[in-house]
Structures are given as structure tokens and as C-alpha cells.
């Protein structure tokens, strides 16, 4: 496990349990995957173990360097997920975006998925005041409709009792 000088603890390479469950689904058959906002690559290797060719993308170079070293991956791309991504339409069979929240993200990445492509998306937990940046109930489903079928969705309200912000996990298929 790697420790960076600016981190207090070793980098956790444990994948999200939601991602692991989705990758165990019978629809997952390998292909080309984008690990978007990949951080230090905790999902890159899991995708590779599932026979995916993985493109790891993040804005932070440190994480991409760790992925190159630890996973011997050359498919690392420094990118800004807040703008249109530099890939051709239909380039990916699976896109994974974990603990990254940005309004319009799902609309921007939808074009990158092939027909029948799969999306695994998970927001962060909503601790402290960061829940204010999370989507509201129904917001992501509206962004995905009518181009996706939701296979699995888990959501919970977060923050103040009178708001509708949610922590959400979605596994969806492009139709």
C-alpha cells in the first residue's frame, strides 16, 4: 500500500462494495471501461481483473502516477470531468464514476457509452455540510431518462431534515 507525503494515512485501495456487487452482475462481460475521477485507482485494478481494458482519468496527476506505478497501466489520462470529455461517442462499454459529484456529469458521459453500455455511479456520503452539493431526489434519474434503464438504485436522504438531497448509487444500462 502506498503512502504519500501529503497524506496522513496509507491510500486505501479497497473498492466500493456497491461497485463490487455491480461488477458481479451477469451483464458485466469485459470490454473497454473508463474509471472517471479515478483518484488513486482503487477501482482500476478491479476492472482489469474483470477483463476490462481500463482508461483511468482524473484531474490530479499524483493519483495517475500511482496507478502507472502500482498497476503498470499506461492508459492514464489527465482530464477535467466538469467539461466535455475528450473521447469519441460510444468509446466505452462501462463507465465508473465513484465519489464524484457534478451537475450534468451523467448527461456528459452518456454519449461516451456504447449501445447497451453500463454506468456505475456513486456519490459521496454527505457528511458535514458537503450534502449541500449532492443531487436532490429524482435529479439523476431525470438526467438519465429516457436513454437508460436503471438496474439498481440505492439512495438515502442526507443533511437537514427538510431538504431532499440524497446520497445515491446507480447501476444503469444505456438503451
Protein backbone atom coordinates (compact mmCIF):
# COMPACT_ATOMS: atom_id res chain seq x y z
CA UNK A 1 0.00 0.00 0.00
CA UNK A 2 1.32 3.45 -0.91
CA UNK A 3 1.75 6.35 1.49
CA UNK A 4 2.10 9.85 0.07
CA UNK A 5 3.95 12.54 1.97
CA UNK A 6 0.90 14.83 1.97
CA UNK A 7 -1.42 12.08 3.27
CA UNK A 8 -1.68 11.14 6.94
CA UNK A 9 -2.59 7.51 6.25
CA UNK A 10 -1.84 4.97 3.53
CA UNK A 11 -4.01 5.18 0.43
CA UNK A 12 -6.97 2.82 0.70
CA UNK A 13 -7.22 0.61 -2.38
CA UNK A 14 -10.41 -1.11 -1.15
CA UNK A 15 -13.13 -0.89 -3.81
CA UNK A 16 -16.65 0.28 -3.09
CA UNK A 17 -18.91 -2.63 -2.08
CA UNK A 18 -21.56 -1.25 -4.46
CA UNK A 19 -19.09 -1.42 -7.34
CA UNK A 20 -18.06 -4.96 -6.43
CA UNK A 21 -21.72 -6.06 -6.37
CA UNK A 22 -22.43 -4.42 -9.72
CA UNK A 23 -19.35 -5.99 -11.32
CA UNK A 24 -20.59 -9.41 -10.19
CA UNK A 25 -23.75 -8.87 -12.29
CA UNK A 26 -24.23 -11.16 -15.30
CA UNK A 27 -24.28 -8.14 -17.66
CA UNK A 28 -20.60 -7.47 -16.97
CA UNK A 29 -18.54 -9.18 -19.66
CA UNK A 30 -15.41 -7.10 -20.09
CA UNK A 31 -14.63 -4.61 -22.83
CA UNK A 32 -13.34 -1.04 -22.51
CA UNK A 33 -14.01 0.86 -19.28
CA UNK A 34 -13.49 4.42 -18.11
CA UNK A 35 -12.67 4.86 -14.43
CA UNK A 36 -13.61 8.53 -14.23
CA UNK A 37 -12.31 10.63 -11.34
CA UNK A 38 -10.26 7.54 -10.53
CA UNK A 39 -8.25 9.03 -7.68
CA UNK A 40 -5.53 6.55 -6.77
CA UNK A 41 -7.04 3.69 -8.77
CA UNK A 42 -8.92 1.67 -6.21
CA UNK A 43 -11.34 0.56 -8.94
CA UNK A 44 -8.92 0.42 -11.88
CA UNK A 45 -7.42 -2.89 -10.82
CA UNK A 46 -10.83 -4.40 -10.00
CA UNK A 47 -11.98 -3.54 -13.53
CA UNK A 48 -8.82 -5.07 -15.00
CA UNK A 49 -9.47 -8.27 -13.04
CA UNK A 50 -12.89 -8.38 -14.75
CA UNK A 51 -11.18 -8.40 -18.17
CA UNK A 52 -11.71 -4.72 -18.94
CA UNK A 53 -9.20 -2.59 -20.76
CA UNK A 54 -9.28 0.41 -18.43
CA UNK A 55 -8.73 4.09 -19.10
CA UNK A 56 -8.10 5.81 -15.76
CA UNK A 57 -8.97 9.52 -15.81
CA UNK A 58 -8.52 12.17 -13.16
CA UNK A 59 -7.54 15.82 -12.80
CA UNK A 60 -4.89 15.05 -10.15
CA UNK A 61 -1.58 13.86 -11.57
CA UNK A 62 -0.42 12.26 -8.27
CA UNK A 63 -3.11 9.60 -8.46
CA UNK A 64 -2.41 8.84 -12.10
CA UNK A 65 1.29 8.37 -11.30
CA UNK A 66 0.39 5.91 -8.52
CA UNK A 67 -1.82 3.95 -10.95
CA UNK A 68 1.00 3.81 -13.52
CA UNK A 69 3.46 2.54 -10.90
CA UNK A 70 1.29 0.12 -8.92
CA UNK A 71 -0.88 -1.28 -11.69
CA UNK A 72 1.57 -0.92 -14.62
CA UNK A 73 -1.09 0.98 -16.51
CA UNK A 74 -0.29 3.24 -19.44
CA UNK A 75 -3.90 4.23 -20.04
CA UNK A 76 -3.96 7.18 -17.64
CA UNK A 77 -5.44 10.47 -18.82
CA UNK A 78 -5.33 13.80 -17.03
CA UNK A 79 -8.77 15.30 -17.62
CA UNK A 80 -11.36 17.66 -16.22
CA UNK A 81 -14.70 15.89 -15.79
CA UNK A 82 -16.51 19.24 -15.46
CA UNK A 83 -16.33 19.73 -19.23
CA UNK A 84 -16.97 17.54 -22.28
CA UNK A 85 -14.56 14.64 -22.14
CA UNK A 86 -12.01 14.03 -24.91
CA UNK A 87 -13.34 10.69 -26.13
CA UNK A 88 -15.38 9.64 -29.15
CA UNK A 89 -19.04 8.75 -28.84
CA UNK A 90 -19.58 5.09 -27.92
CA UNK A 91 -15.96 4.57 -26.81
CA UNK A 92 -16.75 2.68 -23.60
CA UNK A 93 -18.66 -0.43 -22.59
CA UNK A 94 -18.65 0.65 -18.95
CA UNK A 95 -18.12 3.96 -17.16
CA UNK A 96 -17.46 4.10 -13.47
CA UNK A 97 -17.70 7.38 -11.51
CA UNK A 98 -17.35 6.97 -7.77
CA UNK A 99 -17.43 9.76 -5.16
CA UNK A 100 -17.52 12.46 -7.82
CA UNK A 101 -20.45 14.86 -7.97
CA UNK A 102 -21.03 17.44 -10.68
CA UNK A 103 -24.32 18.66 -12.12
CA UNK A 104 -24.70 17.45 -15.69
CA UNK A 105 -22.00 14.77 -15.39
CA UNK A 106 -24.28 11.91 -16.36
CA UNK A 107 -25.54 13.78 -19.41
CA UNK A 108 -21.95 14.49 -20.50
CA UNK A 109 -20.78 10.90 -20.16
CA UNK A 110 -23.88 9.27 -21.67
CA UNK A 111 -22.61 9.88 -25.22
CA UNK A 112 -19.38 8.06 -24.35
CA UNK A 113 -21.15 4.77 -23.64
CA UNK A 114 -21.74 2.24 -26.38
CA UNK A 115 -25.22 0.90 -27.04
CA UNK A 116 -26.02 -1.37 -24.07
CA UNK A 117 -23.11 0.23 -22.19
CA UNK A 118 -23.19 0.21 -18.42
CA UNK A 119 -22.84 3.00 -15.89
CA UNK A 120 -21.92 2.61 -12.24
CA UNK A 121 -22.25 5.88 -10.35
CA UNK A 122 -21.94 6.59 -6.63
CA UNK A 123 -21.94 9.93 -4.84
CA UNK A 124 -20.06 10.53 -1.62
CA UNK A 125 -21.76 10.10 1.74
CA UNK A 126 -22.96 13.58 2.67
CA UNK A 127 -21.08 14.10 5.93
CA UNK A 128 -20.65 17.54 7.40
CA UNK A 129 -22.03 20.18 5.07
CA UNK A 130 -20.97 18.50 1.82
CA UNK A 131 -24.52 17.12 1.47
CA UNK A 132 -25.42 20.54 0.03
CA UNK A 133 -23.59 19.58 -3.18
CA UNK A 134 -25.35 16.24 -3.58
CA UNK A 135 -28.23 15.80 -6.03
CA UNK A 136 -31.84 16.02 -4.92
CA UNK A 137 -34.29 13.14 -5.09
CA UNK A 138 -35.09 12.30 -8.71
CA UNK A 139 -32.47 14.63 -10.19
CA UNK A 140 -30.15 11.91 -11.52
CA UNK A 141 -32.99 9.74 -12.77
CA UNK A 142 -34.22 12.74 -14.79
CA UNK A 143 -30.72 13.19 -16.19
CA UNK A 144 -30.61 9.54 -17.27
CA UNK A 145 -34.17 9.38 -18.65
CA UNK A 146 -35.04 8.28 -21.38
CA UNK A 147 -31.67 6.87 -22.50
CA UNK A 148 -31.02 4.49 -19.60
CA UNK A 149 -32.68 1.66 -17.75
CA UNK A 150 -31.85 1.64 -14.05
CA UNK A 151 -30.80 -1.84 -12.95
CA UNK A 152 -30.16 -0.99 -9.31
CA UNK A 153 -30.53 2.17 -7.27
CA UNK A 154 -29.78 2.81 -3.61
CA UNK A 155 -30.42 6.22 -2.10
CA UNK A 156 -30.76 7.83 1.29
CA UNK A 157 -31.66 11.32 2.38
CA UNK A 158 -28.80 13.32 3.90
CA UNK A 159 -28.38 16.67 5.60
CA UNK A 160 -31.05 18.76 7.26
CA UNK A 161 -34.41 17.13 7.84
CA UNK A 162 -36.27 19.49 5.46
CA UNK A 163 -34.14 19.01 2.35
CA UNK A 164 -34.31 16.44 -0.44
CA UNK A 165 -30.59 15.90 -1.05
CA UNK A 166 -29.54 12.26 -1.40
CA UNK A 167 -26.57 10.00 -1.31
CA UNK A 168 -27.20 7.84 -4.36
CA UNK A 169 -25.74 4.78 -6.04
CA UNK A 170 -26.93 3.86 -9.54
CA UNK A 171 -26.20 0.93 -11.82
CA UNK A 172 -27.75 1.60 -15.22
CA UNK A 173 -27.73 0.35 -18.80
CA UNK A 174 -27.82 2.57 -21.86
CA UNK A 175 -30.69 1.71 -24.20
